[in-house]
Amino acid sequence: MSVSAEPTSVEPRRNGSAPADTGPARTDTLRPHAEHAFADELAALAAQDDRPRPARWRLSPWAVATYLLGGTLPDGTVITPKYVGPRRVVEVAVTTLATDRALLLLGVPGTAKTWVSEHLAAAVSGDSTLLVQGTAGTPEEAIRYGWNYARLLAHGPSRDALVPSPVMRAMAEGRTARVEELTRIPADVQDSLITILSEKTLPIPELGQEVQAVRGFNLIATANDRDRGVNELSSALRRRFNTVVLPLPETPEAELDIVTRRVEQIGRSLDLPAVPDGVDEIRRVVTVFRELRDGVTADGRTKLKSPSGTLSTAEAISVVTGGLALAAHFGDGVLRAGDVAAGVLGAVVRDPAADRVVWQEYLETVVRERDGWADFYRACREAGA
């Protein structure tokens, strides 16, 4: 027996959340969903988007890519970049979602996999909240469906007693579902996606029914390069995905741009000082992270040992944001070396024994000898004392 896959067949929505187009977000939300934070840009793109749109897409693939990469519309509206990286990576990801293949965003920690996933879902479906967060304890019900046990005991298995997962709701509504950290989910739970992605059907054997995905449904999963071997995807499941690797920023300038943009966005929500006064310190943090990550100084002259951590762009953003908070609440509002030193130390020295040796060697042989870095050297020495 096949069940009609209308949006009403899987109500109510998870956690009582409403679709992105039912009203504005609260103005005091600490971190609005992408479809709310960038509602004006999405509306401007939709108004001027005259290109073909796949079924139930809010924007054409071209407009989705423009939303992520940024640009200027014919009426002068500026679309801010959400992702700074190779254009082809975004184009392949968007094109994948327009087919019947699911999308797997793969990369080392801090390469904006979750960020890109959220913005893709917001631009395609207008709703980025159909999310399954993968952990070692994620049950199969989080991907398929669960039960309201009070109704189940009172009336037996029924549609009223069934609690749909975000994936089931996305299938019924023709939207984009998201699964974060797929490789952290137990292998047997991962494989519950195989039928969904290959047959576009979710069986409900307890009721002798099924939910069939309507046009517009697709799924974005993210996975961490460093987690290979934790719960490696089966070959059957991996074939259901088109894998797109999100690289680390190619140049220091690109990484500096990413960190500065994100810190500005976060800082505005936290009422922190403006970033421009601290660009020099941001550049230092980015330089330190890149050199230790790459195992060589920027000029290529000195080989370095790399610490155990990833020293990702996301960690650089966190360090700078923490430094801005220190400057705002315990300084003069200007980001200085002393405000970021402790954060840099905490990011680099994850293993107290091995990483501290790596950091001390870098501090004494590179930072100490670098022109114009004397204040940074002193601040880092004090932070590690």
Protein backbone atom coordinates (compact mmCIF):
# COMPACT_ATOMS: atom_id res chain seq x y z
CA MET A 1 0.00 0.00 0.00
CA SER A 2 1.40 3.37 -0.98
CA VAL A 3 0.79 6.50 1.08
CA SER A 4 0.23 9.84 -0.61
CA ALA A 5 3.35 11.89 -0.01
CA GLU A 6 1.68 15.22 0.65
CA PRO A 7 3.23 17.63 3.17
CA THR A 8 0.30 17.17 5.55
CA SER A 9 0.95 13.45 5.82
CA VAL A 10 3.86 13.91 8.16
CA GLU A 11 2.77 16.81 10.35
CA PRO A 12 3.44 18.06 12.97
CA ARG A 13 6.84 19.50 12.17
CA ARG A 14 9.82 18.59 14.34
CA ASN A 15 10.10 20.65 17.53
CA GLY A 16 7.14 22.69 16.38
CA SER A 17 9.27 24.58 13.87
CA ALA A 18 7.53 26.21 10.94
CA PRO A 19 8.60 26.35 7.34
CA ALA A 20 10.98 29.14 6.49
CA ASP A 21 8.32 31.08 4.59
CA THR A 22 5.71 31.29 7.35
CA GLY A 23 7.09 34.40 9.01
CA PRO A 24 10.15 36.41 9.98
CA ALA A 25 12.70 35.17 12.45
CA ARG A 26 12.89 36.66 15.92
CA THR A 27 15.17 39.66 16.02
CA ASP A 28 16.89 38.51 19.21
CA THR A 29 17.91 35.09 17.90
CA LEU A 30 21.60 34.46 18.57
CA ARG A 31 22.13 32.58 15.32
CA PRO A 32 19.23 32.78 12.86
CA HIS A 33 18.82 30.03 10.30
CA ALA A 34 20.31 30.91 6.92
CA GLU A 35 16.90 31.39 5.32
CA HIS A 36 16.12 34.05 7.93
CA ALA A 37 19.53 35.70 8.23
CA PHE A 38 19.75 36.20 4.46
CA ALA A 39 16.05 36.47 3.66
CA ASP A 40 16.48 39.75 1.78
CA GLU A 41 19.14 38.30 -0.51
CA LEU A 42 17.11 35.17 -1.17
CA ALA A 43 14.05 37.29 -1.98
CA ALA A 44 16.04 39.53 -4.32
CA LEU A 45 17.44 36.51 -6.14
CA ALA A 46 14.01 34.91 -6.46
CA ALA A 47 12.52 38.14 -7.85
CA GLN A 48 15.15 38.45 -10.59
CA ASP A 49 15.72 34.77 -11.29
CA ASP A 50 14.27 33.99 -14.72
CA ARG A 51 16.13 30.73 -15.28
CA PRO A 52 14.54 27.26 -15.16
CA ARG A 53 14.03 25.86 -11.66
CA PRO A 54 13.84 22.18 -10.77
CA ALA A 55 10.60 21.03 -9.18
CA ARG A 56 9.93 22.71 -5.81
CA TRP A 57 13.19 24.66 -5.87
CA ARG A 58 12.96 28.24 -4.64
CA LEU A 59 15.76 29.32 -7.01
CA SER A 60 17.38 28.10 -10.19
CA PRO A 61 20.72 26.29 -9.90
CA TRP A 62 22.45 29.43 -11.22
CA ALA A 63 20.82 31.57 -8.53
CA VAL A 64 21.70 29.05 -5.79
CA ALA A 65 25.35 29.19 -6.87
CA THR A 66 25.21 32.99 -6.94
CA TYR A 67 23.75 33.00 -3.43
CA LEU A 68 26.67 30.93 -2.13
CA LEU A 69 29.46 32.58 -4.09
CA GLY A 70 28.18 36.14 -4.11
CA GLY A 71 27.68 38.65 -6.90
CA THR A 72 25.78 41.73 -7.99
CA LEU A 73 22.29 41.42 -9.47
CA PRO A 74 21.08 43.52 -12.43
CA ASP A 75 19.22 45.89 -10.09
CA GLY A 76 22.40 46.53 -8.10
CA THR A 77 21.59 44.22 -5.17
CA VAL A 78 24.82 42.84 -3.70
CA ILE A 79 24.78 39.16 -2.75
CA THR A 80 27.42 38.50 -0.10
CA PRO A 81 29.62 35.41 -0.49
CA LYS A 82 28.70 32.60 1.87
CA TYR A 83 31.51 30.36 0.65
CA VAL A 84 34.95 31.50 -0.51
CA GLY A 85 36.48 28.76 -2.61
CA PRO A 86 36.55 27.16 -6.06
CA ARG A 87 33.46 28.02 -8.07
CA ARG A 88 33.39 24.60 -9.70
CA VAL A 89 33.02 22.92 -6.30
CA VAL A 90 29.81 24.84 -5.66
CA GLU A 91 28.52 24.29 -9.19
CA VAL A 92 29.02 20.53 -8.93
CA ALA A 93 27.31 20.46 -5.52
CA VAL A 94 24.30 22.42 -6.78
CA THR A 95 24.04 20.34 -9.95
CA THR A 96 24.10 17.15 -7.90
CA LEU A 97 21.07 18.30 -5.92
CA ALA A 98 19.22 18.88 -9.19
CA THR A 99 19.63 15.17 -10.02
CA ASP A 100 18.51 12.05 -8.17
CA ARG A 101 21.95 11.62 -6.54
CA ALA A 102 22.44 12.65 -2.93
CA LEU A 103 25.32 14.96 -2.07
CA LEU A 104 28.17 14.11 0.31
CA LEU A 105 30.33 17.06 1.38
CA LEU A 106 33.68 15.68 2.48
CA GLY A 107 36.65 17.48 3.99
CA VAL A 108 38.89 18.00 6.99
CA PRO A 109 37.38 19.74 10.03
CA GLY A 110 36.74 23.42 9.55
CA THR A 111 36.25 23.47 5.78
CA ALA A 112 32.68 24.86 6.06
CA LYS A 113 30.86 21.61 5.28
CA THR A 114 28.01 22.34 7.68
CA TRP A 115 27.91 25.99 6.62
CA VAL A 116 27.65 25.08 2.93
CA SER A 117 25.09 22.38 3.67
CA GLU A 118 22.87 24.83 5.54
CA HIS A 119 23.02 27.49 2.85
CA LEU A 120 22.39 25.01 0.06
CA ALA A 121 19.25 23.76 1.83
CA ALA A 122 18.11 27.32 2.53
CA ALA A 123 18.53 28.39 -1.10
CA VAL A 124 17.02 25.25 -2.62
CA SER A 125 14.14 24.55 -0.22
CA GLY A 126 13.81 27.70 1.87
CA ASP A 127 14.24 25.49 4.93
CA SER A 128 17.54 24.36 6.43
CA THR A 129 16.04 22.85 9.59
CA LEU A 130 15.33 19.31 8.33
CA LEU A 131 18.47 18.12 10.10
CA VAL A 132 19.76 14.87 11.57
CA GLN A 133 22.85 15.36 13.73
CA GLY A 134 25.03 12.30 13.49
CA THR A 135 26.65 10.89 16.63
CA ALA A 136 27.69 7.47 17.89
CA GLY A 137 24.28 7.27 19.58
CA THR A 138 22.09 8.28 16.63
CA PRO A 139 19.26 5.71 16.41
CA GLU A 140 17.59 4.47 13.25
CA GLU A 141 14.44 6.37 14.25
CA ALA A 142 16.27 9.65 13.67
CA ILE A 143 16.57 8.79 9.98
CA ARG A 144 13.38 6.78 9.40
CA TYR A 145 10.60 7.42 11.95
CA GLY A 146 9.69 6.83 15.57
CA TRP A 147 6.52 6.39 17.58
CA ASN A 148 4.48 8.35 20.08
CA TYR A 149 4.34 5.55 22.64
CA ALA A 150 1.32 6.93 24.50
CA ARG A 151 -0.75 6.80 21.31
CA LEU A 152 0.87 3.53 20.27
CA LEU A 153 -0.13 1.83 23.52
CA ALA A 154 -3.59 3.37 23.52
CA HIS A 155 -4.58 2.77 19.90
CA GLY A 156 -1.90 0.57 18.34
CA PRO A 157 0.19 1.38 15.26
CA SER A 158 -1.36 4.20 13.24
CA ARG A 159 -0.37 7.26 11.27
CA ASP A 160 -1.32 9.42 14.26
CA ALA A 161 1.13 7.51 16.46
CA LEU A 162 3.98 7.78 13.96
CA VAL A 163 6.62 10.48 14.55
CA PRO A 164 8.29 11.39 11.25
CA SER A 165 12.00 11.99 11.01
CA PRO A 166 13.39 15.08 9.25
CA VAL A 167 14.26 12.81 6.31
CA MET A 168 10.71 11.46 6.08
CA ARG A 169 9.33 14.99 6.17
CA ALA A 170 11.72 16.10 3.46
CA MET A 171 10.58 13.19 1.27
CA ALA A 172 6.92 14.06 1.72
CA GLU A 173 7.41 17.80 1.24
CA GLY A 174 9.89 17.68 -1.63
CA ARG A 175 12.56 19.46 0.38
CA THR A 176 16.24 19.01 1.17
CA ALA A 177 17.20 16.98 4.24
CA ARG A 178 20.58 17.26 5.94
CA VAL A 179 22.60 14.60 7.78
CA GLU A 180 25.60 15.96 9.66
CA GLU A 181 28.67 13.84 10.45
CA LEU A 182 27.41 10.79 8.59
CA THR A 183 30.49 8.70 9.39
CA ARG A 184 29.90 9.10 13.13
CA ILE A 185 26.57 7.29 12.83
CA PRO A 186 26.71 3.50 13.42
CA ALA A 187 27.02 1.52 10.19
CA ASP A 188 23.68 -0.28 10.53
CA VAL A 189 21.91 3.05 11.01
CA GLN A 190 23.74 4.58 8.04
CA ASP A 191 22.47 1.78 5.83
CA SER A 192 18.86 2.72 6.55
CA LEU A 193 19.49 5.46 3.98
CA ILE A 194 20.13 3.00 1.16
CA THR A 195 16.48 2.32 0.31
CA ILE A 196 15.60 5.97 0.75
CA LEU A 197 18.30 7.12 -1.66
CA SER A 198 18.01 4.33 -4.23
CA GLU A 199 14.26 3.63 -4.29
CA LYS A 200 13.15 7.09 -3.05
CA THR A 201 10.84 5.20 -0.72
CA LEU A 202 10.61 4.79 3.03
CA PRO A 203 8.69 1.60 3.97
CA ILE A 204 6.52 1.55 7.11
CA PRO A 205 6.12 -2.20 7.60
CA GLU A 206 4.16 -1.80 10.86
CA LEU A 207 1.36 -0.20 8.85
CA GLY A 208 1.90 -1.99 5.55
CA GLN A 209 2.49 1.41 3.98
CA GLU A 210 5.30 3.52 2.56
CA VAL A 211 6.17 7.15 1.99
CA GLN A 212 7.34 7.90 -1.52
CA ALA A 213 9.54 10.91 -2.09
CA VAL A 214 8.01 13.66 -4.20
CA ARG A 215 9.98 15.64 -6.74
CA GLY A 216 12.31 18.14 -5.11
CA PHE A 217 13.51 15.78 -2.40
CA ASN A 218 17.21 15.28 -1.94
CA LEU A 219 19.70 14.82 0.86
CA ILE A 220 22.98 16.51 1.80
CA ALA A 221 25.35 14.65 4.12
CA THR A 222 28.64 15.84 5.57
CA ALA A 223 31.58 13.72 6.65
CA ASN A 224 34.97 14.40 8.15
CA ASP A 225 38.16 13.26 6.41
CA ARG A 226 39.76 12.67 9.81
CA ASP A 227 37.00 10.21 10.80
CA ARG A 228 37.81 7.58 8.21
CA GLY A 229 37.64 4.22 9.90
CA VAL A 230 35.21 5.35 12.61
CA ASN A 231 32.12 4.12 10.78
CA GLU A 232 33.27 3.93 7.18
CA LEU A 233 30.45 4.12 4.65
CA SER A 234 29.53 0.85 3.00
CA SER A 235 30.21 0.66 -0.73
CA ALA A 236 26.46 0.34 -1.32
CA LEU A 237 25.74 3.59 0.53
CA ARG A 238 28.70 5.48 -0.92
CA ARG A 239 27.44 4.72 -4.44
CA ARG A 240 24.24 6.59 -3.63
CA PHE A 241 26.18 9.82 -3.08
CA ASN A 242 28.08 12.14 -5.34
CA THR A 243 31.07 13.16 -3.21
CA VAL A 244 32.32 16.74 -3.33
CA VAL A 245 35.51 17.52 -1.41
CA LEU A 246 35.66 20.95 0.19
CA PRO A 247 39.32 22.01 0.23
CA LEU A 248 41.15 24.22 2.68
CA PRO A 249 41.62 27.80 1.41
CA GLU A 250 44.30 27.83 -1.27
CA THR A 251 45.92 31.17 -0.39
CA PRO A 252 46.51 33.21 2.76
CA GLU A 253 44.44 36.02 1.25
CA ALA A 254 41.47 33.73 0.72
CA GLU A 255 41.66 32.41 4.27
CA LEU A 256 42.06 35.93 5.66
CA ASP A 257 38.94 36.97 3.73
CA ILE A 258 36.94 34.03 5.09
CA VAL A 259 38.00 34.63 8.70
CA THR A 260 37.38 38.38 8.49
CA ARG A 261 33.90 37.96 6.97
CA ARG A 262 32.75 35.36 9.48
CA VAL A 263 34.16 37.23 12.45
CA GLU A 264 32.35 40.36 11.30
CA GLN A 265 29.07 38.43 11.05
CA ILE A 266 29.49 36.81 14.45
CA GLY A 267 30.73 40.03 16.01
CA ARG A 268 27.64 41.94 14.91
CA SER A 269 25.38 39.42 16.62
CA LEU A 270 27.44 39.70 19.83
CA ASP A 271 27.90 43.52 19.71
CA LEU A 272 31.68 43.15 19.49
CA PRO A 273 34.07 45.81 18.12
CA ALA A 274 34.46 46.24 14.37
CA VAL A 275 37.03 43.98 12.74
CA PRO A 276 38.98 46.53 10.62
CA ASP A 277 41.01 47.70 13.63
CA GLY A 278 42.22 44.15 14.17
CA VAL A 279 43.05 43.00 10.64
CA ASP A 280 46.78 42.78 11.43
CA GLU A 281 46.12 40.37 14.29
CA ILE A 282 43.77 38.30 12.15
CA ARG A 283 46.51 38.05 9.53
CA ARG A 284 48.94 36.82 12.20
CA VAL A 285 46.54 34.14 13.41
CA VAL A 286 45.92 32.97 9.85
CA THR A 287 49.67 32.92 9.14
CA VAL A 288 50.45 30.87 12.26
CA PHE A 289 47.70 28.36 11.52
CA ARG A 290 48.68 27.95 7.88
CA GLU A 291 52.39 27.54 8.58
CA LEU A 292 51.90 24.95 11.31
CA ARG A 293 49.25 23.16 9.27
CA ASP A 294 51.42 23.05 6.15
CA GLY A 295 54.64 22.22 8.02
CA VAL A 296 56.60 25.03 6.37
CA THR A 297 56.91 28.80 6.74
CA ALA A 298 55.20 31.07 4.23
CA ASP A 299 58.47 31.81 2.46
CA GLY A 300 59.20 28.10 2.12
CA ARG A 301 62.58 28.39 3.80
CA THR A 302 61.95 26.64 7.12
CA LYS A 303 60.44 23.20 7.64
CA LEU A 304 58.19 22.91 10.66
CA LYS A 305 56.68 20.15 12.75
CA SER A 306 52.88 20.10 12.67
CA PRO A 307 50.81 19.72 15.86
CA SER A 308 48.12 17.09 16.31
CA GLY A 309 45.20 19.49 15.79
CA THR A 310 43.73 20.51 12.45
CA LEU A 311 44.22 24.28 12.89
CA SER A 312 41.30 24.85 10.57
CA THR A 313 39.79 28.06 9.31
CA ALA A 314 36.89 27.51 11.69
CA GLU A 315 39.30 27.39 14.63
CA ALA A 316 40.92 30.63 13.45
CA ILE A 317 37.48 32.24 13.41
CA SER A 318 36.88 31.04 16.97
CA VAL A 319 40.25 32.36 18.17
CA VAL A 320 39.69 35.80 16.65
CA THR A 321 36.12 36.02 17.93
CA GLY A 322 37.34 35.19 21.43
CA GLY A 323 40.05 37.82 21.08
CA LEU A 324 37.50 40.45 20.05
CA ALA A 325 35.42 39.61 23.11
CA LEU A 326 38.50 40.06 25.33
CA ALA A 327 39.26 43.40 23.66
CA ALA A 328 35.69 44.57 24.10
CA HIS A 329 35.20 43.58 27.73
CA PHE A 330 38.69 43.82 29.20
CA GLY A 331 40.58 46.10 26.81
CA ASP A 332 40.13 49.24 24.78
CA GLY A 333 38.08 47.60 22.04
CA VAL A 334 41.03 47.21 19.65
CA LEU A 335 42.17 43.67 18.88
CA ARG A 336 45.80 43.21 19.94
CA ALA A 337 48.32 40.39 20.21
CA GLY A 338 47.54 39.76 23.86
CA ASP A 339 43.87 39.16 23.02
CA VAL A 340 44.54 36.29 20.61
CA ALA A 341 47.64 34.71 22.18
CA ALA A 342 45.81 32.45 24.63
CA GLY A 343 43.40 31.31 21.93
CA VAL A 344 46.23 30.47 19.55
CA LEU A 345 48.00 28.51 22.29
CA GLY A 346 44.83 26.58 23.08
CA ALA A 347 44.24 25.74 19.43
CA VAL A 348 47.80 24.57 18.79
CA VAL A 349 48.56 22.70 22.01
CA ARG A 350 45.96 19.91 22.13
CA ASP A 351 48.44 17.26 23.27
CA PRO A 352 50.18 18.82 26.32
CA ALA A 353 53.37 16.86 25.72
CA ALA A 354 53.99 16.60 21.99
CA ASP A 355 52.21 19.77 20.84
CA ARG A 356 53.89 21.99 23.40
CA VAL A 357 57.29 21.01 22.01
CA VAL A 358 56.09 21.84 18.48
CA TRP A 359 54.74 25.20 19.62
CA GLN A 360 57.84 26.20 21.56
CA GLU A 361 60.08 25.37 18.63
CA TYR A 362 57.92 27.41 16.27
CA LEU A 363 57.73 30.31 18.71
CA GLU A 364 61.48 30.52 19.23
CA THR A 365 62.71 29.80 15.71
CA VAL A 366 60.06 31.57 13.62
CA VAL A 367 57.94 34.05 15.59
CA ARG A 368 60.84 35.45 17.62
CA GLU A 369 62.87 36.20 14.49
CA ARG A 370 60.04 37.70 12.43
CA ASP A 371 60.11 41.46 11.92
CA GLY A 372 57.18 43.30 13.50
CA TRP A 373 56.08 40.30 15.58
CA ALA A 374 57.81 41.18 18.86
CA ASP A 375 54.52 41.99 20.62
CA PHE A 376 52.98 38.73 19.42
CA TYR A 377 56.02 36.79 20.60
CA ARG A 378 55.85 38.36 24.08
CA ALA A 379 52.11 37.79 24.35
CA CYS A 380 52.46 34.13 23.40
CA ARG A 381 55.31 33.65 25.88
CA GLU A 382 53.18 35.15 28.63
CA ALA A 383 50.16 33.04 27.67
CA GLY A 384 52.25 29.87 27.90
CA ALA A 385 54.05 30.75 31.12
